[in-house]
């Protein structure tokens, strides 16, 4: 027994209609076997049938690939953000890098992750800053290493995310280290 798998291909209505019509015509061919050039006609119908089925498969594969491209783009986006986290990352910049509209990037990111791209970037930068604070680096150095443009922006984002100032976080890390 030869193993095989079945795949259902949903063709658009025009291709589907043509395939059904050709299939019906091919079923009635044995009745016309003695007609002039019946073998040539039968071969032509079979070729047209195969071509239409292949077109339907290619169309289905392209449609499936477009859906997976979105996930691929998101994976590439996460990698890009991680490698450039210490830099300023803008939607305009991402649009230039990925050749995809900034509006599409923002919409897809929100749809697939449930958060805005900006909040993800800020949280990722804050995670990096927490790592630096846990290493004992000075707060004035941490915000620069984390890619924040200024201390005020870093301070507000940190307090909003963690409910404490960076210095309070530093003290709590030191307490935990001594305990």
N, C-alpha and C. Protein backbone atom coordinates (compact mmCIF):
# COMPACT_ATOMS: atom_id res chain seq x y z
N UNK A 1 0.84 -1.18 0.00
CA UNK A 1 0.00 0.00 0.00
C UNK A 1 0.89 1.25 0.00
N UNK A 2 0.58 2.18 -0.85
CA UNK A 2 1.35 3.42 -0.97
C UNK A 2 0.70 4.47 -0.07
N UNK A 3 1.50 5.05 0.85
CA UNK A 3 0.92 6.09 1.71
C UNK A 3 0.67 7.36 0.91
N UNK A 4 -0.40 8.02 1.21
CA UNK A 4 -0.71 9.28 0.56
C UNK A 4 -1.52 10.13 1.52
N UNK A 5 -1.62 11.37 1.18
CA UNK A 5 -2.45 12.25 1.97
C UNK A 5 -3.36 13.03 1.03
N UNK A 6 -4.50 13.36 1.53
CA UNK A 6 -5.46 14.14 0.75
C UNK A 6 -5.46 15.57 1.24
N UNK A 7 -5.53 16.47 0.30
CA UNK A 7 -5.61 17.89 0.63
C UNK A 7 -6.82 18.45 -0.09
N UNK A 8 -7.68 19.11 0.64
CA UNK A 8 -8.84 19.75 0.02
C UNK A 8 -8.42 21.12 -0.48
N UNK A 9 -8.67 21.36 -1.75
CA UNK A 9 -8.34 22.64 -2.36
C UNK A 9 -9.65 23.32 -2.72
N UNK A 10 -9.83 24.52 -2.19
CA UNK A 10 -11.03 25.28 -2.50
C UNK A 10 -10.70 26.26 -3.62
N UNK A 11 -11.18 25.94 -4.79
CA UNK A 11 -10.91 26.81 -5.94
C UNK A 11 -11.93 27.94 -5.96
N UNK A 12 -11.55 29.04 -6.60
CA UNK A 12 -12.54 30.10 -6.75
C UNK A 12 -13.66 29.60 -7.65
N UNK A 13 -14.77 30.28 -7.67
CA UNK A 13 -15.97 29.77 -8.33
C UNK A 13 -15.79 29.53 -9.83
N UNK A 14 -15.02 30.37 -10.50
CA UNK A 14 -14.83 30.21 -11.94
C UNK A 14 -14.05 28.93 -12.25
N UNK A 15 -12.93 28.73 -11.57
CA UNK A 15 -12.13 27.52 -11.79
C UNK A 15 -12.91 26.28 -11.38
N UNK A 16 -13.60 26.38 -10.27
CA UNK A 16 -14.41 25.26 -9.81
C UNK A 16 -15.47 24.88 -10.84
N UNK A 17 -16.14 25.86 -11.41
CA UNK A 17 -17.17 25.62 -12.41
C UNK A 17 -16.56 24.96 -13.66
N UNK A 18 -15.41 25.42 -14.10
CA UNK A 18 -14.75 24.85 -15.27
C UNK A 18 -14.31 23.40 -15.01
N UNK A 19 -13.77 23.14 -13.82
CA UNK A 19 -13.35 21.77 -13.47
C UNK A 19 -14.55 20.83 -13.48
N UNK A 20 -15.64 21.26 -12.86
CA UNK A 20 -16.85 20.42 -12.84
C UNK A 20 -17.38 20.16 -14.25
N UNK A 21 -17.38 21.20 -15.07
CA UNK A 21 -17.86 21.06 -16.44
C UNK A 21 -16.98 20.08 -17.23
N UNK A 22 -15.67 20.21 -17.10
CA UNK A 22 -14.77 19.29 -17.79
C UNK A 22 -14.92 17.86 -17.27
N UNK A 23 -15.09 17.73 -15.97
CA UNK A 23 -15.27 16.38 -15.40
C UNK A 23 -16.53 15.72 -15.95
N UNK A 24 -17.63 16.48 -16.02
CA UNK A 24 -18.88 15.94 -16.59
C UNK A 24 -18.67 15.53 -18.05
N UNK A 25 -17.97 16.37 -18.79
CA UNK A 25 -17.73 16.09 -20.21
C UNK A 25 -16.87 14.84 -20.37
N UNK A 26 -15.87 14.67 -19.49
CA UNK A 26 -14.99 13.50 -19.57
C UNK A 26 -15.74 12.20 -19.23
N UNK A 27 -16.75 12.30 -18.38
CA UNK A 27 -17.55 11.12 -18.04
C UNK A 27 -18.36 10.66 -19.24
N UNK A 28 -18.81 11.57 -20.08
CA UNK A 28 -19.62 11.21 -21.26
C UNK A 28 -18.77 10.82 -22.46
N UNK A 29 -17.45 10.93 -22.38
CA UNK A 29 -16.57 10.62 -23.51
C UNK A 29 -16.64 9.17 -23.99
N UNK A 30 -16.75 8.18 -23.10
CA UNK A 30 -16.80 6.80 -23.61
C UNK A 30 -17.94 6.58 -24.60
N UNK A 31 -19.02 7.34 -24.51
CA UNK A 31 -20.14 7.19 -25.44
C UNK A 31 -19.77 7.71 -26.83
N UNK A 32 -18.82 8.61 -26.92
CA UNK A 32 -18.43 9.21 -28.19
C UNK A 32 -17.11 8.62 -28.71
N UNK A 33 -16.75 7.44 -28.27
CA UNK A 33 -15.44 6.86 -28.57
C UNK A 33 -15.20 6.68 -30.07
N UNK A 34 -16.24 6.47 -30.85
CA UNK A 34 -16.08 6.24 -32.29
C UNK A 34 -16.12 7.53 -33.11
N UNK A 35 -16.27 8.68 -32.48
CA UNK A 35 -16.35 9.96 -33.20
C UNK A 35 -14.99 10.32 -33.78
N UNK A 36 -15.02 11.22 -34.76
CA UNK A 36 -13.80 11.68 -35.41
C UNK A 36 -12.88 12.37 -34.40
N UNK A 37 -11.62 11.99 -34.34
CA UNK A 37 -10.57 12.57 -33.48
C UNK A 37 -10.94 12.50 -32.00
N UNK A 38 -11.66 11.47 -31.60
CA UNK A 38 -12.09 11.34 -30.21
C UNK A 38 -10.91 11.19 -29.25
N UNK A 39 -9.86 10.48 -29.67
CA UNK A 39 -8.68 10.31 -28.82
C UNK A 39 -7.99 11.66 -28.59
N UNK A 40 -7.87 12.45 -29.63
CA UNK A 40 -7.26 13.77 -29.51
C UNK A 40 -8.11 14.69 -28.63
N UNK A 41 -9.42 14.63 -28.82
CA UNK A 41 -10.34 15.44 -28.01
C UNK A 41 -10.24 15.03 -26.53
N UNK A 42 -10.21 13.73 -26.28
CA UNK A 42 -10.12 13.21 -24.91
C UNK A 42 -8.81 13.67 -24.26
N UNK A 43 -7.71 13.58 -25.00
CA UNK A 43 -6.42 14.02 -24.48
C UNK A 43 -6.43 15.52 -24.17
N UNK A 44 -7.04 16.30 -25.04
CA UNK A 44 -7.12 17.75 -24.82
C UNK A 44 -7.94 18.08 -23.58
N UNK A 45 -9.07 17.40 -23.40
CA UNK A 45 -9.90 17.62 -22.21
C UNK A 45 -9.13 17.26 -20.94
N UNK A 46 -8.41 16.14 -20.98
CA UNK A 46 -7.65 15.72 -19.82
C UNK A 46 -6.55 16.73 -19.49
N UNK A 47 -5.87 17.26 -20.51
CA UNK A 47 -4.83 18.28 -20.27
C UNK A 47 -5.43 19.55 -19.66
N UNK A 48 -6.58 19.98 -20.19
CA UNK A 48 -7.24 21.17 -19.65
C UNK A 48 -7.66 20.93 -18.20
N UNK A 49 -8.15 19.73 -17.92
CA UNK A 49 -8.57 19.37 -16.56
C UNK A 49 -7.37 19.45 -15.60
N UNK A 50 -6.26 18.84 -15.99
CA UNK A 50 -5.05 18.85 -15.15
C UNK A 50 -4.55 20.28 -14.94
N UNK A 51 -4.54 21.07 -15.99
CA UNK A 51 -4.09 22.46 -15.89
C UNK A 51 -4.96 23.25 -14.90
N UNK A 52 -6.27 23.09 -14.99
CA UNK A 52 -7.17 23.81 -14.08
C UNK A 52 -6.98 23.36 -12.63
N UNK A 53 -6.80 22.06 -12.43
CA UNK A 53 -6.58 21.56 -11.07
C UNK A 53 -5.26 22.11 -10.52
N UNK A 54 -4.22 22.12 -11.35
CA UNK A 54 -2.94 22.68 -10.92
C UNK A 54 -3.06 24.18 -10.61
N UNK A 55 -3.80 24.91 -11.42
CA UNK A 55 -4.02 26.33 -11.14
C UNK A 55 -4.73 26.52 -9.81
N UNK A 56 -5.71 25.69 -9.55
CA UNK A 56 -6.43 25.79 -8.27
C UNK A 56 -5.48 25.50 -7.12
N UNK A 57 -4.61 24.50 -7.27
CA UNK A 57 -3.64 24.18 -6.22
C UNK A 57 -2.64 25.31 -6.00
N UNK A 58 -2.16 25.88 -7.09
CA UNK A 58 -1.21 26.99 -6.99
C UNK A 58 -1.87 28.19 -6.32
N UNK A 59 -3.10 28.48 -6.71
CA UNK A 59 -3.84 29.59 -6.09
C UNK A 59 -4.02 29.35 -4.60
N UNK A 60 -4.37 28.12 -4.22
CA UNK A 60 -4.56 27.78 -2.80
C UNK A 60 -3.24 27.90 -2.05
N UNK A 61 -2.14 27.46 -2.66
CA UNK A 61 -0.83 27.55 -2.02
C UNK A 61 -0.41 29.00 -1.84
N UNK A 62 -0.66 29.83 -2.84
CA UNK A 62 -0.32 31.25 -2.72
C UNK A 62 -1.14 31.91 -1.61
N UNK A 63 -2.41 31.55 -1.52
CA UNK A 63 -3.28 32.10 -0.49
C UNK A 63 -2.79 31.67 0.89
N UNK A 64 -2.38 30.40 1.02
CA UNK A 64 -1.87 29.89 2.29
C UNK A 64 -0.55 30.58 2.63
N UNK A 65 0.31 30.76 1.63
CA UNK A 65 1.61 31.38 1.84
C UNK A 65 1.46 32.84 2.29
N UNK A 66 0.44 33.54 1.79
CA UNK A 66 0.23 34.93 2.21
C UNK A 66 -0.10 34.99 3.68
N UNK A 67 -0.88 34.04 4.18
CA UNK A 67 -1.20 34.00 5.60
C UNK A 67 0.01 33.70 6.45
N UNK A 68 0.88 32.79 5.99
CA UNK A 68 2.07 32.48 6.76
C UNK A 68 3.10 33.59 6.65
N UNK A 69 3.05 34.38 5.59
CA UNK A 69 3.98 35.51 5.43
C UNK A 69 3.80 36.51 6.56
N UNK A 70 2.56 36.68 7.00
CA UNK A 70 2.31 37.61 8.11
C UNK A 70 3.04 37.14 9.36
N UNK A 71 2.98 35.84 9.64
CA UNK A 71 3.67 35.32 10.82
C UNK A 71 5.18 35.42 10.64
N UNK A 72 5.64 35.15 9.42
CA UNK A 72 7.05 35.27 9.13
C UNK A 72 7.51 36.70 9.33
N UNK A 73 6.72 37.65 8.85
CA UNK A 73 7.06 39.05 9.01
C UNK A 73 7.12 39.40 10.50
N UNK A 74 6.21 38.85 11.29
CA UNK A 74 6.21 39.15 12.72
C UNK A 74 7.47 38.58 13.37
N UNK A 75 7.88 37.37 12.97
CA UNK A 75 9.11 36.80 13.51
C UNK A 75 10.30 37.68 13.16
N UNK A 76 10.36 38.12 11.91
CA UNK A 76 11.44 38.99 11.47
C UNK A 76 11.41 40.31 12.23
N UNK A 77 10.21 40.80 12.51
CA UNK A 77 10.05 42.06 13.24
C UNK A 77 10.58 41.92 14.67
N UNK A 78 10.25 40.83 15.34
CA UNK A 78 10.75 40.59 16.70
C UNK A 78 12.28 40.51 16.72
N UNK A 79 12.85 39.83 15.74
CA UNK A 79 14.31 39.71 15.66
C UNK A 79 14.92 41.09 15.44
N UNK A 80 14.33 41.86 14.54
CA UNK A 80 14.85 43.20 14.26
C UNK A 80 14.80 44.08 15.52
N UNK A 81 13.69 44.03 16.23
CA UNK A 81 13.55 44.84 17.44
C UNK A 81 14.59 44.43 18.48
N UNK A 82 14.75 43.12 18.67
CA UNK A 82 15.74 42.64 19.65
C UNK A 82 17.16 43.07 19.30
N UNK A 83 17.50 43.04 18.03
CA UNK A 83 18.87 43.39 17.64
C UNK A 83 19.11 44.89 17.62
N UNK A 84 18.04 45.69 17.52
CA UNK A 84 18.19 47.15 17.47
C UNK A 84 17.54 47.83 18.68
N UNK A 85 17.37 47.11 19.76
CA UNK A 85 16.62 47.62 20.91
C UNK A 85 17.28 48.85 21.55
N UNK A 86 18.57 48.97 21.43
CA UNK A 86 19.23 50.12 22.06
C UNK A 86 19.18 51.37 21.19
N UNK A 87 18.57 51.24 20.00
CA UNK A 87 18.42 52.37 19.09
C UNK A 87 16.98 52.86 19.13
N UNK A 88 16.75 54.01 18.54
CA UNK A 88 15.38 54.48 18.38
C UNK A 88 14.75 53.72 17.22
N UNK A 89 13.61 53.10 17.46
CA UNK A 89 12.92 52.32 16.43
C UNK A 89 11.60 53.00 16.14
N UNK A 90 11.41 53.40 14.88
CA UNK A 90 10.17 54.07 14.49
C UNK A 90 9.43 53.24 13.45
N UNK A 91 8.15 53.51 13.30
CA UNK A 91 7.37 52.83 12.28
C UNK A 91 7.89 53.17 10.88
N UNK A 92 8.32 54.40 10.69
CA UNK A 92 8.86 54.80 9.40
C UNK A 92 10.11 53.98 9.06
N UNK A 93 10.94 53.75 10.06
CA UNK A 93 12.14 52.96 9.88
C UNK A 93 11.78 51.50 9.54
N UNK A 94 10.81 50.95 10.24
CA UNK A 94 10.38 49.56 9.98
C UNK A 94 9.77 49.44 8.59
N UNK A 95 9.06 50.47 8.17
CA UNK A 95 8.48 50.49 6.83
C UNK A 95 9.58 50.39 5.78
N UNK A 96 10.67 51.10 5.98
CA UNK A 96 11.79 51.09 5.05
C UNK A 96 12.52 49.74 5.06
N UNK A 97 12.65 49.14 6.23
CA UNK A 97 13.38 47.88 6.36
C UNK A 97 12.59 46.71 5.77
N UNK A 98 11.28 46.66 6.05
CA UNK A 98 10.48 45.50 5.66
C UNK A 98 9.66 45.71 4.39
N UNK A 99 9.69 46.90 3.83
CA UNK A 99 8.94 47.21 2.61
C UNK A 99 7.45 46.92 2.78
N UNK A 100 6.95 47.23 3.94
CA UNK A 100 5.53 47.04 4.25
C UNK A 100 5.05 48.34 4.89
N UNK A 101 3.84 48.74 4.57
CA UNK A 101 3.28 49.98 5.10
C UNK A 101 3.34 50.01 6.63
N UNK A 102 3.72 51.16 7.17
CA UNK A 102 3.79 51.30 8.63
C UNK A 102 2.43 51.06 9.27
N UNK A 103 1.37 51.42 8.56
CA UNK A 103 0.03 51.22 9.10
C UNK A 103 -0.30 49.72 9.16
N UNK A 104 0.13 48.99 8.14
CA UNK A 104 -0.08 47.54 8.13
C UNK A 104 0.74 46.87 9.24
N UNK A 105 1.98 47.31 9.42
CA UNK A 105 2.83 46.75 10.48
C UNK A 105 2.16 46.98 11.84
N UNK A 106 1.73 48.20 12.09
CA UNK A 106 1.11 48.53 13.38
C UNK A 106 -0.17 47.74 13.60
N UNK A 107 -1.00 47.64 12.56
CA UNK A 107 -2.27 46.93 12.66
C UNK A 107 -2.05 45.43 12.89
N UNK A 108 -1.14 44.82 12.13
CA UNK A 108 -0.88 43.39 12.27
C UNK A 108 -0.25 43.08 13.63
N UNK A 109 0.65 43.94 14.07
CA UNK A 109 1.29 43.72 15.37
C UNK A 109 0.25 43.73 16.48
N UNK A 110 -0.63 44.70 16.45
CA UNK A 110 -1.68 44.81 17.46
C UNK A 110 -2.63 43.61 17.38
N UNK A 111 -2.98 43.19 16.17
CA UNK A 111 -3.90 42.08 15.99
C UNK A 111 -3.28 40.77 16.49
N UNK A 112 -2.00 40.56 16.22
CA UNK A 112 -1.39 39.29 16.56
C UNK A 112 -0.84 39.22 17.98
N UNK A 113 -0.52 40.37 18.59
CA UNK A 113 0.05 40.34 19.94
C UNK A 113 -0.86 40.92 21.01
N UNK A 114 -1.82 41.72 20.60
CA UNK A 114 -2.72 42.33 21.58
C UNK A 114 -2.17 43.61 22.21
N UNK A 115 -1.01 44.04 21.78
CA UNK A 115 -0.44 45.29 22.30
C UNK A 115 0.13 46.09 21.14
N UNK A 116 0.32 47.36 21.39
CA UNK A 116 0.85 48.21 20.32
C UNK A 116 2.35 47.95 20.17
N UNK A 117 2.85 48.26 19.02
CA UNK A 117 4.27 48.10 18.75
C UNK A 117 5.10 48.98 19.68
N UNK A 118 4.64 50.20 19.88
CA UNK A 118 5.35 51.13 20.75
C UNK A 118 5.45 50.58 22.18
N UNK A 119 4.36 50.08 22.71
CA UNK A 119 4.41 49.57 24.09
C UNK A 119 5.31 48.34 24.18
N UNK A 120 5.33 47.51 23.14
CA UNK A 120 6.23 46.35 23.15
C UNK A 120 7.69 46.80 23.16
N UNK A 121 8.01 47.79 22.33
CA UNK A 121 9.39 48.28 22.27
C UNK A 121 9.79 48.88 23.62
N UNK A 122 8.91 49.68 24.21
CA UNK A 122 9.21 50.31 25.50
C UNK A 122 9.40 49.24 26.57
N UNK A 123 8.52 48.24 26.62
CA UNK A 123 8.65 47.16 27.62
C UNK A 123 9.93 46.36 27.42
N UNK A 124 10.30 46.13 26.18
CA UNK A 124 11.54 45.40 25.90
C UNK A 124 12.75 46.22 26.35
N UNK A 125 12.72 47.52 26.12
CA UNK A 125 13.80 48.39 26.58
C UNK A 125 13.85 48.41 28.11
N UNK A 126 12.68 48.44 28.74
CA UNK A 126 12.65 48.44 30.20
C UNK A 126 13.17 47.12 30.77
N UNK A 127 12.88 46.01 30.12
CA UNK A 127 13.43 44.72 30.57
C UNK A 127 14.95 44.74 30.52
N UNK A 128 15.48 45.31 29.45
CA UNK A 128 16.93 45.43 29.32
C UNK A 128 17.49 46.33 30.42
N UNK A 129 16.80 47.43 30.70
CA UNK A 129 17.24 48.34 31.76
C UNK A 129 17.21 47.65 33.13
N UNK A 130 16.19 46.85 33.37
CA UNK A 130 16.13 46.10 34.64
C UNK A 130 17.33 45.16 34.76
N UNK A 131 17.69 44.54 33.66
CA UNK A 131 18.85 43.66 33.66
C UNK A 131 20.11 44.43 34.04
N UNK A 132 20.26 45.62 33.46
CA UNK A 132 21.43 46.45 33.79
C UNK A 132 21.39 46.91 35.24
N UNK A 133 20.22 47.24 35.75
CA UNK A 133 20.10 47.65 37.16
C UNK A 133 20.48 46.49 38.06
N UNK A 134 20.03 45.29 37.71
CA UNK A 134 20.35 44.10 38.50
C UNK A 134 21.85 43.80 38.49
N UNK A 135 22.54 44.24 37.44
CA UNK A 135 23.99 44.08 37.38
C UNK A 135 24.71 45.12 38.24
N UNK A 136 23.96 46.11 38.73
CA UNK A 136 24.54 47.12 39.60
C UNK A 136 25.06 48.35 38.88
N UNK A 137 24.67 48.51 37.65
CA UNK A 137 25.12 49.69 36.90
C UNK A 137 24.39 50.94 37.41
N UNK A 138 25.02 52.09 37.30
CA UNK A 138 24.38 53.34 37.73
C UNK A 138 23.17 53.67 36.85
N UNK A 139 22.14 54.24 37.47
CA UNK A 139 20.90 54.57 36.77
C UNK A 139 21.16 55.52 35.60
N UNK A 140 22.10 56.45 35.78
CA UNK A 140 22.39 57.41 34.70
C UNK A 140 22.98 56.71 33.48
N UNK A 141 23.60 55.58 33.69
CA UNK A 141 24.16 54.80 32.58
C UNK A 141 23.11 53.86 32.00
N UNK A 142 22.22 53.37 32.85
CA UNK A 142 21.22 52.36 32.46
C UNK A 142 20.30 52.88 31.37
N UNK A 143 19.78 54.08 31.51
CA UNK A 143 18.82 54.56 30.52
C UNK A 143 19.46 54.77 29.16
N UNK A 144 20.76 55.14 29.13
CA UNK A 144 21.45 55.27 27.84
C UNK A 144 21.71 53.90 27.21
N UNK A 145 22.13 52.95 28.02
CA UNK A 145 22.38 51.60 27.51
C UNK A 145 21.09 50.93 27.03
N UNK A 146 19.98 51.29 27.66
CA UNK A 146 18.68 50.72 27.29
C UNK A 146 18.06 51.35 26.07
N UNK A 147 18.66 52.41 25.56
CA UNK A 147 18.16 53.01 24.33
C UNK A 147 17.12 54.09 24.53
N UNK A 148 16.98 54.59 25.74
CA UNK A 148 16.04 55.69 25.97
C UNK A 148 16.74 57.00 25.64
N UNK A 149 16.02 57.89 24.98
CA UNK A 149 16.60 59.16 24.56
C UNK A 149 16.96 60.06 25.72
N UNK A 150 16.14 60.07 26.76
CA UNK A 150 16.40 60.94 27.90
C UNK A 150 15.94 60.30 29.20
N UNK A 151 16.47 60.82 30.30
CA UNK A 151 16.16 60.26 31.60
C UNK A 151 14.68 60.43 31.95
N UNK A 152 14.09 61.57 31.60
CA UNK A 152 12.68 61.81 31.94
C UNK A 152 11.77 60.77 31.30
N UNK A 153 11.99 60.46 30.03
CA UNK A 153 11.19 59.45 29.34
C UNK A 153 11.37 58.08 29.99
N UNK A 154 12.62 57.75 30.32
CA UNK A 154 12.92 56.49 30.99
C UNK A 154 12.24 56.41 32.35
N UNK A 155 12.35 57.48 33.12
CA UNK A 155 11.79 57.51 34.48
C UNK A 155 10.27 57.31 34.44
N UNK A 156 9.58 58.06 33.55
CA UNK A 156 8.11 57.94 33.46
C UNK A 156 7.69 56.55 33.01
N UNK A 157 8.36 56.01 32.00
CA UNK A 157 8.02 54.69 31.49
C UNK A 157 8.27 53.62 32.56
N UNK A 158 9.37 53.73 33.27
CA UNK A 158 9.72 52.76 34.30
C UNK A 158 8.70 52.77 35.43
N UNK A 159 8.37 53.96 35.89
CA UNK A 159 7.41 54.09 37.00
C UNK A 159 6.03 53.59 36.57
N UNK A 160 5.64 53.89 35.35
CA UNK A 160 4.33 53.43 34.86
C UNK A 160 4.29 51.90 34.74
N UNK A 161 5.37 51.31 34.29
CA UNK A 161 5.40 49.86 34.07
C UNK A 161 5.53 49.08 35.38
N UNK A 162 6.42 49.53 36.27
CA UNK A 162 6.73 48.76 37.48
C UNK A 162 6.16 49.33 38.77
N UNK A 163 5.60 50.53 38.71
CA UNK A 163 5.00 51.11 39.91
C UNK A 163 6.01 51.61 40.92
N UNK A 164 7.24 51.75 40.51
CA UNK A 164 8.30 52.29 41.38
C UNK A 164 9.33 52.98 40.50
N UNK A 165 10.14 53.81 41.11
CA UNK A 165 11.18 54.51 40.37
C UNK A 165 12.35 53.55 40.11
N UNK A 166 13.21 53.88 39.18
CA UNK A 166 14.39 53.03 38.95
C UNK A 166 15.27 52.90 40.19
N UNK A 167 15.39 53.96 40.97
CA UNK A 167 16.21 53.88 42.20
C UNK A 167 15.56 52.97 43.23
N UNK A 168 14.23 53.03 43.36
CA UNK A 168 13.54 52.12 44.27
C UNK A 168 13.74 50.67 43.82
N UNK A 169 13.69 50.44 42.52
CA UNK A 169 13.92 49.09 41.99
C UNK A 169 15.34 48.64 42.32
N UNK A 170 16.30 49.54 42.15
CA UNK A 170 17.70 49.24 42.46
C UNK A 170 17.85 48.85 43.93
N UNK A 171 17.21 49.60 44.81
CA UNK A 171 17.27 49.29 46.25
C UNK A 171 16.63 47.94 46.56
N UNK A 172 15.50 47.65 45.90
CA UNK A 172 14.83 46.36 46.16
C UNK A 172 15.68 45.19 45.65
N UNK A 173 16.39 45.40 44.56
CA UNK A 173 17.29 44.35 44.05
C UNK A 173 18.45 44.15 45.02
N UNK A 174 18.98 45.25 45.56
CA UNK A 174 20.09 45.14 46.53
C UNK A 174 19.62 44.42 47.79
N UNK A 175 18.42 44.73 48.28
CA UNK A 175 17.88 44.06 49.46
C UNK A 175 17.76 42.56 49.23
N UNK A 176 17.22 42.21 48.06
CA UNK A 176 17.05 40.79 47.72
C UNK A 176 18.39 40.08 47.62
N UNK A 177 19.41 40.80 47.14
CA UNK A 177 20.75 40.20 47.00
C UNK A 177 21.39 39.94 48.36
N UNK A 178 21.13 40.85 49.32
CA UNK A 178 21.70 40.71 50.66
C UNK A 178 20.94 39.71 51.51
N UNK A 179 19.68 39.50 51.19
CA UNK A 179 18.83 38.61 52.02
C UNK A 179 19.11 37.14 51.74
